All heavy atoms as atom14 arrays in JSON, in Angstrom:
{
  "sequence": "LRGEDMRSAVTGYWNILFDADPKSVGGKLPDDDAFYTE",
  "atom14_mask": [
    [1, 1, 1, 1, 1, 1, 1, 1, 0, 0, 0, 0, 0, 0],
    [1, 1, 1, 1, 1, 1, 1, 1, 1, 1, 1, 0, 0, 0],
    [1, 1, 1, 1, 0, 0, 0, 0, 0, 0, 0, 0, 0, 0],
    [1, 1, 1, 1, 1, 1, 1, 1, 1, 0, 0, 0, 0, 0],
    [1, 1, 1, 1, 1, 1, 1, 1, 0, 0, 0, 0, 0, 0],
    [1, 1, 1, 1, 1, 1, 1, 1, 0, 0, 0, 0, 0, 0],
    [1, 1, 1, 1, 1, 1, 1, 1, 1, 1, 1, 0, 0, 0],
    [1, 1, 1, 1, 1, 1, 0, 0, 0, 0, 0, 0, 0, 0],
    [1, 1, 1, 1, 1, 0, 0, 0, 0, 0, 0, 0, 0, 0],
    [1, 1, 1, 1, 1, 1, 1, 0, 0, 0, 0, 0, 0, 0],
    [1, 1, 1, 1, 1, 1, 1, 0, 0, 0, 0, 0, 0, 0],
    [1, 1, 1, 1, 0, 0, 0, 0, 0, 0, 0, 0, 0, 0],
    [1, 1, 1, 1, 1, 1, 1, 1, 1, 1, 1, 1, 0, 0],
    [1, 1, 1, 1, 1, 1, 1, 1, 1, 1, 1, 1, 1, 1],
    [1, 1, 1, 1, 1, 1, 1, 1, 0, 0, 0, 0, 0, 0],
    [1, 1, 1, 1, 1, 1, 1, 1, 0, 0, 0, 0, 0, 0],
    [1, 1, 1, 1, 1, 1, 1, 1, 0, 0, 0, 0, 0, 0],
    [1, 1, 1, 1, 1, 1, 1, 1, 1, 1, 1, 0, 0, 0],
    [1, 1, 1, 1, 1, 1, 1, 1, 0, 0, 0, 0, 0, 0],
    [1, 1, 1, 1, 1, 0, 0, 0, 0, 0, 0, 0, 0, 0],
    [1, 1, 1, 1, 1, 1, 1, 1, 0, 0, 0, 0, 0, 0],
    [1, 1, 1, 1, 1, 1, 1, 0, 0, 0, 0, 0, 0, 0],
    [1, 1, 1, 1, 1, 1, 1, 1, 1, 0, 0, 0, 0, 0],
    [1, 1, 1, 1, 1, 1, 0, 0, 0, 0, 0, 0, 0, 0],
    [1, 1, 1, 1, 1, 1, 1, 0, 0, 0, 0, 0, 0, 0],
    [1, 1, 1, 1, 0, 0, 0, 0, 0, 0, 0, 0, 0, 0],
    [1, 1, 1, 1, 0, 0, 0, 0, 0, 0, 0, 0, 0, 0],
    [1, 1, 1, 1, 1, 1, 1, 1, 1, 0, 0, 0, 0, 0],
    [1, 1, 1, 1, 1, 1, 1, 1, 0, 0, 0, 0, 0, 0],
    [1, 1, 1, 1, 1, 1, 1, 0, 0, 0, 0, 0, 0, 0],
    [1, 1, 1, 1, 1, 1, 1, 1, 0, 0, 0, 0, 0, 0],
    [1, 1, 1, 1, 1, 1, 1, 1, 0, 0, 0, 0, 0, 0],
    [1, 1, 1, 1, 1, 1, 1, 1, 0, 0, 0, 0, 0, 0],
    [1, 1, 1, 1, 1, 0, 0, 0, 0, 0, 0, 0, 0, 0],
    [1, 1, 1, 1, 1, 1, 1, 1, 1, 1, 1, 0, 0, 0],
    [1, 1, 1, 1, 1, 1, 1, 1, 1, 1, 1, 1, 0, 0],
    [1, 1, 1, 1, 1, 1, 1, 0, 0, 0, 0, 0, 0, 0],
    [1, 1, 1, 1, 1, 1, 1, 1, 1, 0, 0, 0, 0, 0]
  ],
  "atom14_positions": [
    [[79.76, -55.78, 6.86], [80.23, -56.06, 5.54], [79.17, -55.5, 4.55], [77.94, -55.78, 4.71], [80.38, -57.58, 5.33], [81.48, -58.3, 6.05], [81.48, -59.78, 5.63], [82.84, -57.64, 5.79], [0.0, 0.0, 0.0], [0.0, 0.0, 0.0], [0.0, 0.0, 0.0], [0.0, 0.0, 0.0], [0.0, 0.0, 0.0], [0.0, 0.0, 0.0]],
    [[79.6, -54.79, 3.58], [78.72, -54.11, 2.61], [79.12, -54.41, 1.18], [80.22, -54.92, 0.95], [78.66, -52.65, 2.93], [78.15, -52.34, 4.27], [78.82, -51.06, 4.89], [78.61, -49.91, 4.05], [79.14, -48.67, 4.32], [79.89, -48.56, 5.43], [79.0, -47.7, 3.51], [0.0, 0.0, 0.0], [0.0, 0.0, 0.0], [0.0, 0.0, 0.0]],
    [[78.3, -53.98, 0.27], [78.67, -54.04, -1.13], [79.06, -55.47, -1.61], [78.41, -56.43, -1.26], [0.0, 0.0, 0.0], [0.0, 0.0, 0.0], [0.0, 0.0, 0.0], [0.0, 0.0, 0.0], [0.0, 0.0, 0.0], [0.0, 0.0, 0.0], [0.0, 0.0, 0.0], [0.0, 0.0, 0.0], [0.0, 0.0, 0.0], [0.0, 0.0, 0.0]],
    [[80.04, -55.54, -2.46], [80.48, -56.85, -2.97], [81.02, -57.84, -2.01], [80.78, -59.01, -2.08], [81.53, -56.61, -4.08], [81.82, -57.9, -4.92], [80.62, -58.56, -5.46], [79.72, -57.82, -5.97], [80.51, -59.8, -5.47], [0.0, 0.0, 0.0], [0.0, 0.0, 0.0], [0.0, 0.0, 0.0], [0.0, 0.0, 0.0], [0.0, 0.0, 0.0]],
    [[81.66, -57.34, -0.89], [82.09, -58.2, 0.18], [80.9, -58.91, 0.8], [80.96, -60.1, 1.11], [82.88, -57.44, 1.2], [84.25, -56.96, 0.71], [84.75, -57.51, -0.25], [84.81, -56.05, 1.32], [0.0, 0.0, 0.0], [0.0, 0.0, 0.0], [0.0, 0.0, 0.0], [0.0, 0.0, 0.0], [0.0, 0.0, 0.0], [0.0, 0.0, 0.0]],
    [[79.89, -58.15, 1.04], [78.65, -58.69, 1.62], [78.0, -59.68, 0.67], [77.65, -60.83, 1.09], [77.65, -57.56, 1.95], [76.33, -57.99, 2.43], [75.09, -58.18, 1.09], [74.96, -56.46, 0.5], [0.0, 0.0, 0.0], [0.0, 0.0, 0.0], [0.0, 0.0, 0.0], [0.0, 0.0, 0.0], [0.0, 0.0, 0.0], [0.0, 0.0, 0.0]],
    [[77.81, -59.3, -0.59], [77.17, -60.16, -1.57], [77.92, -61.48, -1.71], [77.28, -62.58, -1.74], [77.08, -59.44, -2.9], [76.31, -60.25, -3.97], [76.62, -59.71, -5.34], [76.37, -58.35, -5.56], [75.2, -57.85, -6.02], [74.27, -58.65, -6.39], [75.05, -56.54, -6.13], [0.0, 0.0, 0.0], [0.0, 0.0, 0.0], [0.0, 0.0, 0.0]],
    [[79.21, -61.46, -1.8], [80.0, -62.61, -1.98], [79.91, -63.6, -0.79], [79.68, -64.81, -0.94], [81.5, -62.3, -2.23], [82.29, -63.43, -2.36], [0.0, 0.0, 0.0], [0.0, 0.0, 0.0], [0.0, 0.0, 0.0], [0.0, 0.0, 0.0], [0.0, 0.0, 0.0], [0.0, 0.0, 0.0], [0.0, 0.0, 0.0], [0.0, 0.0, 0.0]],
    [[80.02, -63.03, 0.41], [79.99, -63.81, 1.64], [78.62, -64.44, 1.82], [78.49, -65.71, 2.16], [80.37, -62.97, 2.86], [0.0, 0.0, 0.0], [0.0, 0.0, 0.0], [0.0, 0.0, 0.0], [0.0, 0.0, 0.0], [0.0, 0.0, 0.0], [0.0, 0.0, 0.0], [0.0, 0.0, 0.0], [0.0, 0.0, 0.0], [0.0, 0.0, 0.0]],
    [[77.57, -63.68, 1.63], [76.19, -64.22, 1.85], [75.83, -65.3, 0.79], [75.26, -66.29, 1.15], [75.17, -63.06, 1.85], [73.73, -63.59, 1.95], [75.42, -62.11, 3.02], [0.0, 0.0, 0.0], [0.0, 0.0, 0.0], [0.0, 0.0, 0.0], [0.0, 0.0, 0.0], [0.0, 0.0, 0.0], [0.0, 0.0, 0.0], [0.0, 0.0, 0.0]],
    [[76.2, -64.97, -0.45], [75.87, -65.95, -1.51], [76.59, -67.25, -1.24], [75.93, -68.31, -1.41], [76.29, -65.38, -2.89], [75.58, -64.18, -3.18], [76.07, -66.44, -4.0], [0.0, 0.0, 0.0], [0.0, 0.0, 0.0], [0.0, 0.0, 0.0], [0.0, 0.0, 0.0], [0.0, 0.0, 0.0], [0.0, 0.0, 0.0], [0.0, 0.0, 0.0]],
    [[77.84, -67.21, -0.89], [78.55, -68.51, -0.57], [77.9, -69.22, 0.59], [77.8, -70.42, 0.59], [0.0, 0.0, 0.0], [0.0, 0.0, 0.0], [0.0, 0.0, 0.0], [0.0, 0.0, 0.0], [0.0, 0.0, 0.0], [0.0, 0.0, 0.0], [0.0, 0.0, 0.0], [0.0, 0.0, 0.0], [0.0, 0.0, 0.0], [0.0, 0.0, 0.0]],
    [[77.5, -68.51, 1.62], [76.89, -69.1, 2.83], [75.62, -69.75, 2.45], [75.27, -70.85, 2.83], [76.71, -68.03, 3.94], [76.17, -68.55, 5.19], [76.86, -69.42, 6.02], [74.88, -68.15, 5.56], [76.28, -69.87, 7.22], [74.32, -68.61, 6.73], [75.03, -69.44, 7.54], [74.49, -69.96, 8.74], [0.0, 0.0, 0.0], [0.0, 0.0, 0.0]],
    [[74.75, -68.99, 1.67], [73.44, -69.54, 1.24], [73.61, -70.77, 0.41], [72.84, -71.74, 0.53], [72.66, -68.48, 0.47], [72.07, -67.43, 1.32], [71.88, -67.4, 2.71], [71.49, -66.15, 0.87], [71.26, -66.24, 3.1], [70.98, -65.48, 2.03], [71.36, -65.56, -0.43], [70.39, -64.22, 1.93], [70.74, -64.34, -0.5], [70.29, -63.65, 0.7]],
    [[74.64, -70.81, -0.4], [74.81, -71.95, -1.26], [75.16, -73.23, -0.44], [74.66, -74.32, -0.7], [76.03, -71.71, -2.2], [75.61, -70.92, -3.4], [74.53, -70.92, -3.9], [76.57, -70.12, -3.97], [0.0, 0.0, 0.0], [0.0, 0.0, 0.0], [0.0, 0.0, 0.0], [0.0, 0.0, 0.0], [0.0, 0.0, 0.0], [0.0, 0.0, 0.0]],
    [[75.95, -73.08, 0.6], [76.26, -74.22, 1.47], [75.02, -74.66, 2.18], [74.7, -75.87, 2.28], [77.33, -73.82, 2.5], [78.66, -73.72, 1.8], [77.4, -74.8, 3.66], [79.82, -73.24, 2.69], [0.0, 0.0, 0.0], [0.0, 0.0, 0.0], [0.0, 0.0, 0.0], [0.0, 0.0, 0.0], [0.0, 0.0, 0.0], [0.0, 0.0, 0.0]],
    [[74.19, -73.75, 2.73], [72.98, -74.12, 3.34], [71.99, -74.83, 2.43], [71.33, -75.84, 2.81], [72.28, -72.88, 3.98], [72.99, -72.16, 5.16], [72.13, -71.09, 5.71], [73.46, -73.1, 6.22], [0.0, 0.0, 0.0], [0.0, 0.0, 0.0], [0.0, 0.0, 0.0], [0.0, 0.0, 0.0], [0.0, 0.0, 0.0], [0.0, 0.0, 0.0]],
    [[71.88, -74.27, 1.23], [70.94, -74.87, 0.21], [71.36, -76.34, -0.13], [70.54, -77.21, -0.22], [70.95, -73.99, -1.0], [70.04, -74.61, -2.16], [68.68, -74.41, -2.12], [70.59, -75.31, -3.19], [67.85, -74.93, -3.09], [69.84, -75.86, -4.17], [68.4, -75.62, -4.11], [0.0, 0.0, 0.0], [0.0, 0.0, 0.0], [0.0, 0.0, 0.0]],
    [[72.63, -76.54, -0.31], [73.12, -77.89, -0.59], [72.89, -78.8, 0.53], [72.58, -80.06, 0.25], [74.69, -77.83, -0.91], [74.98, -77.16, -2.26], [74.03, -77.04, -3.02], [76.1, -76.71, -2.46], [0.0, 0.0, 0.0], [0.0, 0.0, 0.0], [0.0, 0.0, 0.0], [0.0, 0.0, 0.0], [0.0, 0.0, 0.0], [0.0, 0.0, 0.0]],
    [[72.98, -78.37, 1.76], [72.77, -79.23, 2.92], [71.26, -79.47, 3.18], [70.85, -80.57, 3.53], [73.43, -78.58, 4.13], [0.0, 0.0, 0.0], [0.0, 0.0, 0.0], [0.0, 0.0, 0.0], [0.0, 0.0, 0.0], [0.0, 0.0, 0.0], [0.0, 0.0, 0.0], [0.0, 0.0, 0.0], [0.0, 0.0, 0.0], [0.0, 0.0, 0.0]],
    [[70.44, -78.4, 2.96], [69.04, -78.47, 3.25], [68.3, -77.31, 2.61], [68.33, -76.2, 3.11], [68.79, -78.44, 4.78], [67.34, -78.65, 5.1], [66.47, -78.72, 4.27], [67.01, -78.7, 6.35], [0.0, 0.0, 0.0], [0.0, 0.0, 0.0], [0.0, 0.0, 0.0], [0.0, 0.0, 0.0], [0.0, 0.0, 0.0], [0.0, 0.0, 0.0]],
    [[67.72, -77.51, 1.41], [67.06, -76.42, 0.66], [66.07, -75.62, 1.47], [65.91, -74.4, 1.27], [66.35, -77.1, -0.5], [67.18, -78.33, -0.7], [67.66, -78.81, 0.66], [0.0, 0.0, 0.0], [0.0, 0.0, 0.0], [0.0, 0.0, 0.0], [0.0, 0.0, 0.0], [0.0, 0.0, 0.0], [0.0, 0.0, 0.0], [0.0, 0.0, 0.0]],
    [[65.36, -76.27, 2.43], [64.36, -75.47, 3.19], [65.02, -74.43, 4.11], [64.33, -73.54, 4.58], [63.48, -76.43, 3.99], [64.17, -77.06, 5.25], [63.23, -77.94, 6.07], [63.9, -78.5, 7.25], [63.07, -79.36, 8.09], [0.0, 0.0, 0.0], [0.0, 0.0, 0.0], [0.0, 0.0, 0.0], [0.0, 0.0, 0.0], [0.0, 0.0, 0.0]],
    [[66.3, -74.55, 4.39], [66.93, -73.61, 5.23], [67.03, -72.26, 4.63], [67.19, -71.24, 5.33], [68.41, -74.09, 5.57], [69.19, -74.08, 4.37], [0.0, 0.0, 0.0], [0.0, 0.0, 0.0], [0.0, 0.0, 0.0], [0.0, 0.0, 0.0], [0.0, 0.0, 0.0], [0.0, 0.0, 0.0], [0.0, 0.0, 0.0], [0.0, 0.0, 0.0]],
    [[66.91, -72.14, 3.29], [66.91, -70.84, 2.62], [65.54, -70.54, 1.91], [65.43, -69.74, 1.05], [68.06, -70.67, 1.66], [69.41, -70.7, 2.35], [68.0, -71.82, 0.57], [0.0, 0.0, 0.0], [0.0, 0.0, 0.0], [0.0, 0.0, 0.0], [0.0, 0.0, 0.0], [0.0, 0.0, 0.0], [0.0, 0.0, 0.0], [0.0, 0.0, 0.0]],
    [[64.55, -71.29, 2.31], [63.21, -71.13, 1.74], [62.92, -71.88, 0.44], [62.01, -71.49, -0.26], [0.0, 0.0, 0.0], [0.0, 0.0, 0.0], [0.0, 0.0, 0.0], [0.0, 0.0, 0.0], [0.0, 0.0, 0.0], [0.0, 0.0, 0.0], [0.0, 0.0, 0.0], [0.0, 0.0, 0.0], [0.0, 0.0, 0.0], [0.0, 0.0, 0.0]],
    [[63.72, -72.92, 0.18], [63.46, -73.8, -0.89], [64.18, -73.54, -2.21], [64.33, -74.38, -3.04], [0.0, 0.0, 0.0], [0.0, 0.0, 0.0], [0.0, 0.0, 0.0], [0.0, 0.0, 0.0], [0.0, 0.0, 0.0], [0.0, 0.0, 0.0], [0.0, 0.0, 0.0], [0.0, 0.0, 0.0], [0.0, 0.0, 0.0], [0.0, 0.0, 0.0]],
    [[64.68, -72.26, -2.39], [65.43, -71.96, -3.56], [66.4, -70.86, -3.25], [66.2, -70.06, -2.32], [64.52, -71.54, -4.71], [63.76, -70.31, -4.49], [62.88, -69.92, -5.67], [62.05, -68.66, -5.45], [61.25, -68.34, -6.64], [0.0, 0.0, 0.0], [0.0, 0.0, 0.0], [0.0, 0.0, 0.0], [0.0, 0.0, 0.0], [0.0, 0.0, 0.0]],
    [[67.49, -70.74, -3.98], [68.48, -69.71, -3.76], [67.99, -68.39, -4.31], [67.48, -68.27, -5.4], [69.79, -70.12, -4.43], [70.59, -71.2, -3.73], [71.73, -71.64, -4.65], [71.19, -70.71, -2.45], [0.0, 0.0, 0.0], [0.0, 0.0, 0.0], [0.0, 0.0, 0.0], [0.0, 0.0, 0.0], [0.0, 0.0, 0.0], [0.0, 0.0, 0.0]],
    [[68.12, -67.31, -3.52], [67.74, -65.97, -4.02], [68.62, -65.56, -5.19], [69.74, -65.99, -5.26], [67.95, -65.07, -2.82], [67.84, -66.04, -1.66], [68.45, -67.3, -2.09], [0.0, 0.0, 0.0], [0.0, 0.0, 0.0], [0.0, 0.0, 0.0], [0.0, 0.0, 0.0], [0.0, 0.0, 0.0], [0.0, 0.0, 0.0], [0.0, 0.0, 0.0]],
    [[68.1, -64.72, -6.01], [68.88, -64.16, -7.16], [69.58, -62.91, -6.72], [69.51, -62.45, -5.58], [68.0, -64.0, -8.39], [66.83, -63.05, -8.04], [66.91, -62.17, -7.21], [65.74, -63.24, -8.66], [0.0, 0.0, 0.0], [0.0, 0.0, 0.0], [0.0, 0.0, 0.0], [0.0, 0.0, 0.0], [0.0, 0.0, 0.0], [0.0, 0.0, 0.0]],
    [[70.27, -62.31, -7.7], [71.09, -61.11, -7.4], [70.27, -59.91, -6.9], [70.81, -58.99, -6.28], [71.97, -60.69, -8.61], [73.11, -61.58, -8.77], [73.49, -62.37, -7.83], [73.76, -61.58, -9.85], [0.0, 0.0, 0.0], [0.0, 0.0, 0.0], [0.0, 0.0, 0.0], [0.0, 0.0, 0.0], [0.0, 0.0, 0.0], [0.0, 0.0, 0.0]],
    [[68.99, -59.92, -7.22], [68.13, -58.79, -6.83], [67.86, -58.8, -5.32], [67.33, -57.86, -4.78], [66.82, -58.86, -7.55], [66.05, -57.49, -7.45], [66.68, -56.47, -7.69], [64.82, -57.52, -7.17], [0.0, 0.0, 0.0], [0.0, 0.0, 0.0], [0.0, 0.0, 0.0], [0.0, 0.0, 0.0], [0.0, 0.0, 0.0], [0.0, 0.0, 0.0]],
    [[68.32, -59.86, -4.62], [68.19, -59.93, -3.16], [69.07, -58.99, -2.4], [68.91, -58.83, -1.13], [68.44, -61.39, -2.69], [0.0, 0.0, 0.0], [0.0, 0.0, 0.0], [0.0, 0.0, 0.0], [0.0, 0.0, 0.0], [0.0, 0.0, 0.0], [0.0, 0.0, 0.0], [0.0, 0.0, 0.0], [0.0, 0.0, 0.0], [0.0, 0.0, 0.0]],
    [[69.97, -58.32, -3.08], [70.94, -57.54, -2.43], [70.84, -56.01, -2.7], [70.45, -55.62, -3.81], [72.38, -57.94, -2.8], [72.68, -59.35, -2.48], [72.63, -60.4, -3.41], [73.06, -59.74, -1.14], [72.86, -61.72, -3.11], [73.24, -61.08, -0.81], [73.22, -62.03, -1.8], [0.0, 0.0, 0.0], [0.0, 0.0, 0.0], [0.0, 0.0, 0.0]],
    [[71.08, -55.22, -1.65], [71.05, -53.77, -1.85], [72.43, -53.28, -2.38], [73.46, -53.54, -1.72], [70.73, -53.16, -0.51], [71.07, -51.63, -0.37], [70.46, -50.72, -1.16], [72.08, -51.24, 0.48], [70.75, -49.37, -1.04], [72.4, -49.92, 0.59], [71.7, -48.96, -0.14], [72.04, -47.63, -0.07], [0.0, 0.0, 0.0], [0.0, 0.0, 0.0]],
    [[72.38, -52.51, -3.42], [73.61, -51.88, -3.92], [73.6, -50.47, -3.46], [72.71, -49.68, -3.79], [73.62, -51.95, -5.5], [73.59, -53.33, -5.89], [74.91, -51.29, -5.99], [0.0, 0.0, 0.0], [0.0, 0.0, 0.0], [0.0, 0.0, 0.0], [0.0, 0.0, 0.0], [0.0, 0.0, 0.0], [0.0, 0.0, 0.0], [0.0, 0.0, 0.0]],
    [[74.66, -50.09, -2.71], [74.65, -48.78, -2.14], [74.77, -47.64, -3.21], [75.37, -47.81, -4.24], [75.82, -48.65, -1.16], [75.67, -49.63, -0.04], [76.78, -49.43, 1.02], [77.24, -48.33, 1.19], [77.16, -50.47, 1.64], [0.0, 0.0, 0.0], [0.0, 0.0, 0.0], [0.0, 0.0, 0.0], [0.0, 0.0, 0.0], [0.0, 0.0, 0.0]]
  ]
}
């Protein structure tokens, strides 16, 4: 999965992990700069 499909899926997954346990993603949610735009 690449591009926007990747960004959307990963962001949603990280949000769930953060809500359940913030340390699972390093204590805070990454911003949009965390993704590579092809």
